[in-house]
Amino acid sequence: MPHEPIKPFKIEVAYRPDLEKEVQVVKISKQRGKDIWVQINLETNTLFGCKYLRNSTGELKSAPVSIRERFYQLKTQGMGGKRANEADKNWPLQSEVSSFY
């Protein structure tokens, strides 16, 4: 079965007001007719972080997350995020935690 070559990303620079600095971003998709951007680590060429919308001045703003994606994250990660369910196993092993027994 032939493989299609992966289309290279066009790396652009955008401003993140929360960090007060410019970051490298790539366009990964469209949502409701608007481009979705994500940061890229230039050393490893990996995409990371939240999805963003970019305004006309080049500033990034967090993209809205669909209710379907939110419910999926709650189902798979719980309220505490990834691996929160495993934290209770490591909690008694920590020396600075006092016991209530």
PDB file of N, CA and C in Angstrom:
ATOM      1  N   MET A   1       0.837  -1.157   0.000  1.00  0.00           N
ATOM      2  CA  MET A   1       0.000   0.000   0.000  1.00  0.00           C
ATOM      3  C   MET A   1       0.899   1.243   0.000  1.00  0.00           C
ATOM      4  N   PRO A   2       0.724   2.140  -0.950  1.00  0.00           N
ATOM      5  CA  PRO A   2       1.588   3.326  -1.014  1.00  0.00           C
ATOM      6  C   PRO A   2       1.252   4.316   0.102  1.00  0.00           C
ATOM      7  N   HIS A   3       2.281   4.960   0.607  1.00  0.00           N
ATOM      8  CA  HIS A   3       2.110   5.968   1.648  1.00  0.00           C
ATOM      9  C   HIS A   3       2.249   7.349   1.031  1.00  0.00           C
ATOM     10  N   GLU A   4       1.374   8.237   1.465  1.00  0.00           N
ATOM     11  CA  GLU A   4       1.486   9.611   1.005  1.00  0.00           C
ATOM     12  C   GLU A   4       2.539  10.322   1.844  1.00  0.00           C
ATOM     13  N   PRO A   5       3.373  11.152   1.235  1.00  0.00           N
ATOM     14  CA  PRO A   5       4.343  11.885   2.031  1.00  0.00           C
ATOM     15  C   PRO A   5       3.642  12.867   2.968  1.00  0.00           C
ATOM     16  N   ILE A   6       4.207  13.033   4.136  1.00  0.00           N
ATOM     17  CA  ILE A   6       3.639  13.944   5.116  1.00  0.00           C
ATOM     18  C   ILE A   6       3.912  15.369   4.672  1.00  0.00           C
ATOM     19  N   LYS A   7       2.864  16.158   4.667  1.00  0.00           N
ATOM     20  CA  LYS A   7       2.997  17.554   4.263  1.00  0.00           C
ATOM     21  C   LYS A   7       3.749  18.311   5.352  1.00  0.00           C
ATOM     22  N   PRO A   8       4.827  19.001   4.998  1.00  0.00           N
ATOM     23  CA  PRO A   8       5.569  19.722   6.029  1.00  0.00           C
ATOM     24  C   PRO A   8       4.760  20.909   6.548  1.00  0.00           C
ATOM     25  N   PHE A   9       4.931  21.189   7.834  1.00  0.00           N
ATOM     26  CA  PHE A   9       4.256  22.319   8.446  1.00  0.00           C
ATOM     27  C   PHE A   9       4.997  23.605   8.119  1.00  0.00           C
ATOM     28  N   LYS A  10       4.243  24.664   7.951  1.00  0.00           N
ATOM     29  CA  LYS A  10       4.837  25.982   7.786  1.00  0.00           C
ATOM     30  C   LYS A  10       4.909  26.619   9.172  1.00  0.00           C
ATOM     31  N   ILE A  11       6.109  26.824   9.673  1.00  0.00           N
ATOM     32  CA  ILE A  11       6.306  27.363  11.011  1.00  0.00           C
ATOM     33  C   ILE A  11       6.212  28.887  10.952  1.00  0.00           C
ATOM     34  N   GLU A  12       5.396  29.438  11.845  1.00  0.00           N
ATOM     35  CA  GLU A  12       5.225  30.882  11.931  1.00  0.00           C
ATOM     36  C   GLU A  12       5.443  31.322  13.372  1.00  0.00           C
ATOM     37  N   VAL A  13       5.587  32.617  13.552  1.00  0.00           N
ATOM     38  CA  VAL A  13       5.790  33.181  14.886  1.00  0.00           C
ATOM     39  C   VAL A  13       4.524  33.923  15.294  1.00  0.00           C
ATOM     40  N   ALA A  14       4.084  33.692  16.543  1.00  0.00           N
ATOM     41  CA  ALA A  14       2.910  34.377  17.080  1.00  0.00           C
ATOM     42  C   ALA A  14       3.210  34.807  18.509  1.00  0.00           C
ATOM     43  N   TYR A  15       2.462  35.768  18.988  1.00  0.00           N
ATOM     44  CA  TYR A  15       2.676  36.314  20.326  1.00  0.00           C
ATOM     45  C   TYR A  15       1.692  35.707  21.309  1.00  0.00           C
ATOM     46  N   ARG A  16       2.214  35.210  22.451  1.00  0.00           N
ATOM     47  CA  ARG A  16       1.367  34.702  23.525  1.00  0.00           C
ATOM     48  C   ARG A  16       1.316  35.736  24.632  1.00  0.00           C
ATOM     49  N   PRO A  17       0.192  36.416  24.793  1.00  0.00           N
ATOM     50  CA  PRO A  17       0.086  37.458  25.816  1.00  0.00           C
ATOM     51  C   PRO A  17       0.298  36.940  27.237  1.00  0.00           C
ATOM     52  N   ASP A  18      -0.111  35.696  27.522  1.00  0.00           N
ATOM     53  CA  ASP A  18       0.057  35.153  28.871  1.00  0.00           C
ATOM     54  C   ASP A  18       1.527  34.948  29.231  1.00  0.00           C
ATOM     55  N   LEU A  19       2.376  34.654  28.243  1.00  0.00           N
ATOM     56  CA  LEU A  19       3.811  34.495  28.474  1.00  0.00           C
ATOM     57  C   LEU A  19       4.590  35.773  28.186  1.00  0.00           C
ATOM     58  N   GLU A  20       3.918  36.698  27.509  1.00  0.00           N
ATOM     59  CA  GLU A  20       4.533  37.954  27.078  1.00  0.00           C
ATOM     60  C   GLU A  20       5.775  37.716  26.222  1.00  0.00           C
ATOM     61  N   LYS A  21       5.661  36.752  25.296  1.00  0.00           N
ATOM     62  CA  LYS A  21       6.755  36.489  24.370  1.00  0.00           C
ATOM     63  C   LYS A  21       6.229  35.839  23.100  1.00  0.00           C
ATOM     64  N   GLU A  22       7.083  35.835  22.080  1.00  0.00           N
ATOM     65  CA  GLU A  22       6.729  35.218  20.808  1.00  0.00           C
ATOM     66  C   GLU A  22       7.121  33.746  20.839  1.00  0.00           C
ATOM     67  N   VAL A  23       6.297  32.924  20.207  1.00  0.00           N
ATOM     68  CA  VAL A  23       6.531  31.480  20.147  1.00  0.00           C
ATOM     69  C   VAL A  23       6.350  31.001  18.717  1.00  0.00           C
ATOM     70  N   GLN A  24       6.912  29.839  18.406  1.00  0.00           N
ATOM     71  CA  GLN A  24       6.759  29.233  17.088  1.00  0.00           C
ATOM     72  C   GLN A  24       5.490  28.384  17.092  1.00  0.00           C
ATOM     73  N   VAL A  25       4.668  28.568  16.074  1.00  0.00           N
ATOM     74  CA  VAL A  25       3.413  27.837  15.962  1.00  0.00           C
ATOM     75  C   VAL A  25       3.242  27.293  14.553  1.00  0.00           C
ATOM     76  N   VAL A  26       2.380  26.290  14.439  1.00  0.00           N
ATOM     77  CA  VAL A  26       2.011  25.747  13.133  1.00  0.00           C
ATOM     78  C   VAL A  26       0.492  25.602  13.082  1.00  0.00           C
ATOM     79  N   LYS A  27      -0.052  25.746  11.891  1.00  0.00           N
ATOM     80  CA  LYS A  27      -1.490  25.572  11.687  1.00  0.00           C
ATOM     81  C   LYS A  27      -1.755  24.081  11.498  1.00  0.00           C
ATOM     82  N   ILE A  28      -2.671  23.539  12.308  1.00  0.00           N
ATOM     83  CA  ILE A  28      -2.925  22.099  12.226  1.00  0.00           C
ATOM     84  C   ILE A  28      -4.289  21.754  11.652  1.00  0.00           C
ATOM     85  N   SER A  29      -5.254  22.666  11.760  1.00  0.00           N
ATOM     86  CA  SER A  29      -6.594  22.350  11.253  1.00  0.00           C
ATOM     87  C   SER A  29      -7.440  23.612  11.221  1.00  0.00           C
ATOM     88  N   LYS A  30      -8.726  23.404  10.946  1.00  0.00           N
ATOM     89  CA  LYS A  30      -9.711  24.492  10.983  1.00  0.00           C
ATOM     90  C   LYS A  30     -10.849  24.058  11.886  1.00  0.00           C
ATOM     91  N   GLN A  31     -11.401  25.039  12.617  1.00  0.00           N
ATOM     92  CA  GLN A  31     -12.553  24.785  13.471  1.00  0.00           C
ATOM     93  C   GLN A  31     -13.523  25.936  13.272  1.00  0.00           C
ATOM     94  N   ARG A  32     -14.720  25.623  12.813  1.00  0.00           N
ATOM     95  CA  ARG A  32     -15.736  26.639  12.526  1.00  0.00           C
ATOM     96  C   ARG A  32     -15.205  27.729  11.607  1.00  0.00           C
ATOM     97  N   GLY A  33     -14.412  27.339  10.625  1.00  0.00           N
ATOM     98  CA  GLY A  33     -13.895  28.271   9.641  1.00  0.00           C
ATOM     99  C   GLY A  33     -12.675  29.063  10.072  1.00  0.00           C
ATOM    100  N   LYS A  34     -12.170  28.810  11.286  1.00  0.00           N
ATOM    101  CA  LYS A  34     -10.993  29.525  11.777  1.00  0.00           C
ATOM    102  C   LYS A  34      -9.824  28.558  11.899  1.00  0.00           C
ATOM    103  N   ASP A  35      -8.620  29.066  11.626  1.00  0.00           N
ATOM    104  CA  ASP A  35      -7.421  28.236  11.717  1.00  0.00           C
ATOM    105  C   ASP A  35      -7.106  27.917  13.168  1.00  0.00           C
ATOM    106  N   ILE A  36      -6.689  26.675  13.416  1.00  0.00           N
ATOM    107  CA  ILE A  36      -6.269  26.232  14.735  1.00  0.00           C
ATOM    108  C   ILE A  36      -4.747  26.103  14.718  1.00  0.00           C
ATOM    109  N   TRP A  37      -4.117  26.703  15.708  1.00  0.00           N
ATOM    110  CA  TRP A  37      -2.659  26.726  15.813  1.00  0.00           C
ATOM    111  C   TRP A  37      -2.218  25.996  17.066  1.00  0.00           C
ATOM    112  N   VAL A  38      -1.009  25.448  17.022  1.00  0.00           N
ATOM    113  CA  VAL A  38      -0.419  24.796  18.190  1.00  0.00           C
ATOM    114  C   VAL A  38       1.081  25.084  18.168  1.00  0.00           C
ATOM    115  N   GLN A  39       1.685  25.101  19.354  1.00  0.00           N
ATOM    116  CA  GLN A  39       3.114  25.373  19.434  1.00  0.00           C
ATOM    117  C   GLN A  39       3.912  24.175  18.948  1.00  0.00           C
ATOM    118  N   ILE A  40       5.139  24.435  18.505  1.00  0.00           N
ATOM    119  CA  ILE A  40       6.028  23.380  18.043  1.00  0.00           C
ATOM    120  C   ILE A  40       7.376  23.525  18.728  1.00  0.00           C
ATOM    121  N   ASN A  41       7.926  22.394  19.152  1.00  0.00           N
ATOM    122  CA  ASN A  41       9.275  22.355  19.711  1.00  0.00           C
ATOM    123  C   ASN A  41      10.222  22.153  18.540  1.00  0.00           C
ATOM    124  N   LEU A  42      11.033  23.152  18.245  1.00  0.00           N
ATOM    125  CA  LEU A  42      11.899  23.091  17.067  1.00  0.00           C
ATOM    126  C   LEU A  42      13.027  22.075  17.205  1.00  0.00           C
ATOM    127  N   GLU A  43      13.421  21.741  18.433  1.00  0.00           N
ATOM    128  CA  GLU A  43      14.497  20.767  18.635  1.00  0.00           C
ATOM    129  C   GLU A  43      14.052  19.352  18.303  1.00  0.00           C
ATOM    130  N   THR A  44      12.804  19.021  18.676  1.00  0.00           N
ATOM    131  CA  THR A  44      12.313  17.656  18.453  1.00  0.00           C
ATOM    132  C   THR A  44      11.247  17.575  17.369  1.00  0.00           C
ATOM    133  N   ASN A  45      10.829  18.734  16.837  1.00  0.00           N
ATOM    134  CA  ASN A  45       9.764  18.796  15.836  1.00  0.00           C
ATOM    135  C   ASN A  45       8.469  18.152  16.320  1.00  0.00           C
ATOM    136  N   THR A  46       8.163  18.347  17.598  1.00  0.00           N
ATOM    137  CA  THR A  46       6.918  17.811  18.144  1.00  0.00           C
ATOM    138  C   THR A  46       5.972  18.949  18.484  1.00  0.00           C
ATOM    139  N   LEU A  47       4.698  18.702  18.291  1.00  0.00           N
ATOM    140  CA  LEU A  47       3.667  19.663  18.624  1.00  0.00           C
ATOM    141  C   LEU A  47       3.285  19.482  20.082  1.00  0.00           C
ATOM    142  N   PHE A  48       3.016  20.596  20.786  1.00  0.00           N
ATOM    143  CA  PHE A  48       2.653  20.480  22.190  1.00  0.00           C
ATOM    144  C   PHE A  48       1.760  21.631  22.607  1.00  0.00           C
ATOM    145  N   GLY A  49       1.154  21.475  23.777  1.00  0.00           N
ATOM    146  CA  GLY A  49       0.358  22.540  24.361  1.00  0.00           C
ATOM    147  C   GLY A  49      -1.073  22.558  23.885  1.00  0.00           C
ATOM    148  N   CYS A  50      -1.736  23.647  24.243  1.00  0.00           N
ATOM    149  CA  CYS A  50      -3.154  23.844  23.904  1.00  0.00           C
ATOM    150  C   CYS A  50      -3.312  24.252  22.453  1.00  0.00           C
ATOM    151  N   LYS A  51      -4.544  24.161  22.001  1.00  0.00           N
ATOM    152  CA  LYS A  51      -4.882  24.657  20.671  1.00  0.00           C
ATOM    153  C   LYS A  51      -5.246  26.130  20.798  1.00  0.00           C
ATOM    154  N   TYR A  52      -4.847  26.915  19.805  1.00  0.00           N
ATOM    155  CA  TYR A  52      -5.054  28.358  19.849  1.00  0.00           C
ATOM    156  C   TYR A  52      -5.718  28.867  18.583  1.00  0.00           C
ATOM    157  N   LEU A  53      -6.393  29.998  18.731  1.00  0.00           N
ATOM    158  CA  LEU A  53      -6.855  30.797  17.608  1.00  0.00           C
ATOM    159  C   LEU A  53      -5.896  31.976  17.523  1.00  0.00           C
ATOM    160  N   ARG A  54      -5.693  32.496  16.325  1.00  0.00           N
ATOM    161  CA  ARG A  54      -4.760  33.608  16.129  1.00  0.00           C
ATOM    162  C   ARG A  54      -5.524  34.785  15.532  1.00  0.00           C
ATOM    163  N   ASN A  55      -5.392  35.955  16.150  1.00  0.00           N
ATOM    164  CA  ASN A  55      -6.102  37.121  15.630  1.00  0.00           C
ATOM    165  C   ASN A  55      -5.269  37.827  14.564  1.00  0.00           C
ATOM    166  N   SER A  56      -5.791  38.919  14.026  1.00  0.00           N
ATOM    167  CA  SER A  56      -5.127  39.598  12.910  1.00  0.00           C
ATOM    168  C   SER A  56      -3.801  40.239  13.295  1.00  0.00           C
ATOM    169  N   THR A  57      -3.598  40.511  14.596  1.00  0.00           N
ATOM    170  CA  THR A  57      -2.332  41.099  15.038  1.00  0.00           C
ATOM    171  C   THR A  57      -1.295  40.039  15.389  1.00  0.00           C
ATOM    172  N   GLY A  58      -1.649  38.764  15.277  1.00  0.00           N
ATOM    173  CA  GLY A  58      -0.712  37.678  15.543  1.00  0.00           C
ATOM    174  C   GLY A  58      -0.716  37.176  16.964  1.00  0.00           C
ATOM    175  N   GLU A  59      -1.669  37.625  17.786  1.00  0.00           N
ATOM    176  CA  GLU A  59      -1.756  37.153  19.165  1.00  0.00           C
ATOM    177  C   GLU A  59      -2.558  35.857  19.232  1.00  0.00           C
ATOM    178  N   LEU A  60      -2.129  34.963  20.116  1.00  0.00           N
ATOM    179  CA  LEU A  60      -2.807  33.685  20.301  1.00  0.00           C
ATOM    180  C   LEU A  60      -3.816  33.771  21.438  1.00  0.00           C
ATOM    181  N   LYS A  61      -4.939  33.096  21.244  1.00  0.00           N
ATOM    182  CA  LYS A  61      -5.991  33.009  22.248  1.00  0.00           C
ATOM    183  C   LYS A  61      -6.429  31.552  22.284  1.00  0.00           C
ATOM    184  N   SER A  62      -6.666  31.009  23.470  1.00  0.00           N
ATOM    185  CA  SER A  62      -7.070  29.600  23.587  1.00  0.00           C
ATOM    186  C   SER A  62      -8.309  29.323  22.759  1.00  0.00           C
ATOM    187  N   ALA A  63      -8.266  28.242  22.007  1.00  0.00           N
ATOM    188  CA  ALA A  63      -9.413  27.836  21.195  1.00  0.00           C
ATOM    189  C   ALA A  63     -10.453  27.176  22.098  1.00  0.00           C
ATOM    190  N   PRO A  64     -11.729  27.396  21.832  1.00  0.00           N
ATOM    191  CA  PRO A  64     -12.755  26.738  22.637  1.00  0.00           C
ATOM    192  C   PRO A  64     -12.712  25.221  22.439  1.00  0.00           C
ATOM    193  N   VAL A  65     -12.980  24.509  23.525  1.00  0.00           N
ATOM    194  CA  VAL A  65     -12.982  23.045  23.487  1.00  0.00           C
ATOM    195  C   VAL A  65     -14.428  22.576  23.432  1.00  0.00           C
ATOM    196  N   SER A  66     -14.708  21.660  22.526  1.00  0.00           N
ATOM    197  CA  SER A  66     -16.086  21.174  22.382  1.00  0.00           C
ATOM    198  C   SER A  66     -16.502  20.386  23.626  1.00  0.00           C
ATOM    199  N   ILE A  67     -17.796  20.356  23.872  1.00  0.00           N
ATOM    200  CA  ILE A  67     -18.326  19.640  25.034  1.00  0.00           C
ATOM    201  C   ILE A  67     -18.017  18.153  24.931  1.00  0.00           C
ATOM    202  N   ARG A  68     -17.983  17.631  23.704  1.00  0.00           N
ATOM    203  CA  ARG A  68     -17.651  16.221  23.499  1.00  0.00           C
ATOM    204  C   ARG A  68     -16.220  15.931  23.979  1.00  0.00           C
ATOM    205  N   GLU A  69     -15.286  16.828  23.642  1.00  0.00           N
ATOM    206  CA  GLU A  69     -13.899  16.640  24.053  1.00  0.00           C
ATOM    207  C   GLU A  69     -13.751  16.791  25.567  1.00  0.00           C
ATOM    208  N   ARG A  70     -14.498  17.724  26.156  1.00  0.00           N
ATOM    209  CA  ARG A  70     -14.447  17.900  27.616  1.00  0.00           C
ATOM    210  C   ARG A  70     -14.934  16.663  28.343  1.00  0.00           C
ATOM    211  N   PHE A  71     -16.049  16.091  27.889  1.00  0.00           N
ATOM    212  CA  PHE A  71     -16.570  14.877  28.519  1.00  0.00           C
ATOM    213  C   PHE A  71     -15.604  13.712  28.353  1.00  0.00           C
ATOM    214  N   TYR A  72     -14.964  13.611  27.193  1.00  0.00           N
ATOM    215  CA  TYR A  72     -14.000  12.545  26.979  1.00  0.00           C
ATOM    216  C   TYR A  72     -12.822  12.694  27.942  1.00  0.00           C
ATOM    217  N   GLN A  73     -12.339  13.929  28.120  1.00  0.00           N
ATOM    218  CA  GLN A  73     -11.226  14.153  29.049  1.00  0.00           C
ATOM    219  C   GLN A  73     -11.633  13.818  30.480  1.00  0.00           C
ATOM    220  N   LEU A  74     -12.854  14.187  30.875  1.00  0.00           N
ATOM    221  CA  LEU A  74     -13.325  13.835  32.214  1.00  0.00           C
ATOM    222  C   LEU A  74     -13.428  12.328  32.389  1.00  0.00           C
ATOM    223  N   LYS A  75     -13.887  11.653  31.356  1.00  0.00           N
ATOM    224  CA  LYS A  75     -14.048  10.196  31.429  1.00  0.00           C
ATOM    225  C   LYS A  75     -12.695   9.498  31.531  1.00  0.00           C
ATOM    226  N   THR A  76     -11.719   9.949  30.757  1.00  0.00           N
ATOM    227  CA  THR A  76     -10.429   9.260  30.717  1.00  0.00           C
ATOM    228  C   THR A  76      -9.434   9.756  31.756  1.00  0.00           C
ATOM    229  N   GLN A  77      -9.534  11.054  32.153  1.00  0.00           N
ATOM    230  CA  GLN A  77      -8.546  11.624  33.057  1.00  0.00           C
ATOM    231  C   GLN A  77      -9.109  11.954  34.426  1.00  0.00           C
ATOM    232  N   GLY A  78     -10.422  12.047  34.555  1.00  0.00           N
ATOM    233  CA  GLY A  78     -11.022  12.429  35.823  1.00  0.00           C
ATOM    234  C   GLY A  78     -10.871  13.924  36.063  1.00  0.00           C
ATOM    235  N   MET A  79     -11.222  14.356  37.245  1.00  0.00           N
ATOM    236  CA  MET A  79     -11.162  15.776  37.574  1.00  0.00           C
ATOM    237  C   MET A  79      -9.732  16.264  37.798  1.00  0.00           C
ATOM    238  N   GLY A  80      -8.821  15.362  38.113  1.00  0.00           N
ATOM    239  CA  GLY A  80      -7.462  15.773  38.461  1.00  0.00           C
ATOM    240  C   GLY A  80      -6.480  15.737  37.319  1.00  0.00           C
ATOM    241  N   GLY A  81      -6.890  15.389  36.125  1.00  0.00           N
ATOM    242  CA  GLY A  81      -5.973  15.341  34.997  1.00  0.00           C
ATOM    243  C   GLY A  81      -5.394  13.958  34.791  1.00  0.00           C
ATOM    244  N   LYS A  82      -4.428  13.880  33.885  1.00  0.00           N
ATOM    245  CA  LYS A  82      -3.823  12.600  33.551  1.00  0.00           C
ATOM    246  C   LYS A  82      -3.135  11.992  34.763  1.00  0.00           C
ATOM    247  N   ARG A  83      -3.294  10.722  34.945  1.00  0.00           N
ATOM    248  CA  ARG A  83      -2.663   9.916  35.993  1.00  0.00           C
ATOM    249  C   ARG A  83      -3.059  10.314  37.408  1.00  0.00           C
ATOM    250  N   ALA A  84      -4.107  11.082  37.555  1.00  0.00           N
ATOM    251  CA  ALA A  84      -4.566  11.442  38.891  1.00  0.00           C
ATOM    252  C   ALA A  84      -5.058  10.203  39.640  1.00  0.00           C
ATOM    253  N   ASN A  85      -5.641   9.261  38.899  1.00  0.00           N
ATOM    254  CA  ASN A  85      -6.136   8.040  39.531  1.00  0.00           C
ATOM    255  C   ASN A  85      -4.997   7.185  40.085  1.00  0.00           C
ATOM    256  N   GLU A  86      -3.790   7.330  39.542  1.00  0.00           N
ATOM    257  CA  GLU A  86      -2.628   6.576  40.027  1.00  0.00           C
ATOM    258  C   GLU A  86      -1.951   7.270  41.209  1.00  0.00           C
ATOM    259  N   ALA A  87      -2.269   8.534  41.436  1.00  0.00           N
ATOM    260  CA  ALA A  87      -1.620   9.294  42.503  1.00  0.00           C
ATOM    261  C   ALA A  87      -1.943   8.724  43.870  1.00  0.00           C
ATOM    262  N   ASP A  88      -3.139   8.169  44.053  1.00  0.00           N
ATOM    263  CA  ASP A  88      -3.504   7.624  45.360  1.00  0.00           C
ATOM    264  C   ASP A  88      -2.647   6.421  45.742  1.00  0.00           C
ATOM    265  N   LYS A  89      -2.081   5.736  44.763  1.00  0.00           N
ATOM    266  CA  LYS A  89      -1.205   4.601  45.061  1.00  0.00           C
ATOM    267  C   LYS A  89       0.151   5.061  45.587  1.00  0.00           C
ATOM    268  N   ASN A  90       0.633   6.197  45.091  1.00  0.00           N
ATOM    269  CA  ASN A  90       1.933   6.718  45.500  1.00  0.00           C
ATOM    270  C   ASN A  90       1.862   7.583  46.743  1.00  0.00           C
ATOM    271  N   TRP A  91       0.691   8.063  47.085  1.00  0.00           N
ATOM    272  CA  TRP A  91       0.535   8.987  48.196  1.00  0.00           C
ATOM    273  C   TRP A  91       1.014   8.405  49.531  1.00  0.00           C
ATOM    274  N   PRO A  92       0.646   7.167  49.904  1.00  0.00           N
ATOM    275  CA  PRO A  92       1.116   6.630  51.191  1.00  0.00           C
ATOM    276  C   PRO A  92       2.635   6.382  51.225  1.00  0.00           C
ATOM    277  N   LEU A  93       3.275   6.287  50.076  1.00  0.00           N
ATOM    278  CA  LEU A  93       4.704   6.018  50.034  1.00  0.00           C
ATOM    279  C   LEU A  93       5.547   7.264  50.275  1.00  0.00           C
ATOM    280  N   GLN A  94       4.946   8.428  50.238  1.00  0.00           N
ATOM    281  CA  GLN A  94       5.680   9.664  50.441  1.00  0.00           C
ATOM    282  C   GLN A  94       5.922   9.867  51.932  1.00  0.00           C
ATOM    283  N   SER A  95       7.177  10.187  52.277  1.00  0.00           N
ATOM    284  CA  SER A  95       7.559  10.281  53.688  1.00  0.00           C
ATOM    285  C   SER A  95       6.989  11.507  54.392  1.00  0.00           C
ATOM    286  N   GLU A  96       6.759  12.592  53.671  1.00  0.00           N
ATOM    287  CA  GLU A  96       6.282  13.807  54.315  1.00  0.00           C
ATOM    288  C   GLU A  96       4.777  13.790  54.592  1.00  0.00           C
ATOM    289  N   VAL A  97       4.077  12.754  54.165  1.00  0.00           N
ATOM    290  CA  VAL A  97       2.645  12.651  54.384  1.00  0.00           C
ATOM    291  C   VAL A  97       2.404  11.988  55.721  1.00  0.00           C
ATOM    292  N   SER A  98       1.643  12.646  56.578  1.00  0.00           N
ATOM    293  CA  SER A  98       1.361  12.054  57.892  1.00  0.00           C
ATOM    294  C   SER A  98       0.177  11.094  57.783  1.00  0.00           C
ATOM    295  N   SER A  99       0.142  10.143  58.656  1.00  0.00           N
ATOM    296  CA  SER A  99      -0.914   9.136  58.661  1.00  0.00           C
ATOM    297  C   SER A  99      -2.008   9.547  59.619  1.00  0.00           C
ATOM    298  N   PHE A 100      -3.237   9.214  59.297  1.00  0.00           N
ATOM    299  CA  PHE A 100      -4.369   9.536  60.152  1.00  0.00           C
ATOM    300  C   PHE A 100      -4.792   8.330  60.995  1.00  0.00           C
ATOM    301  N   TYR A 101      -4.040   7.271  60.979  1.00  0.00           N
ATOM    302  CA  TYR A 101      -4.434   6.054  61.693  1.00  0.00           C
ATOM    303  C   TYR A 101      -4.005   6.096  63.127  1.00  0.00           C
TER     304      TYR A 101
END
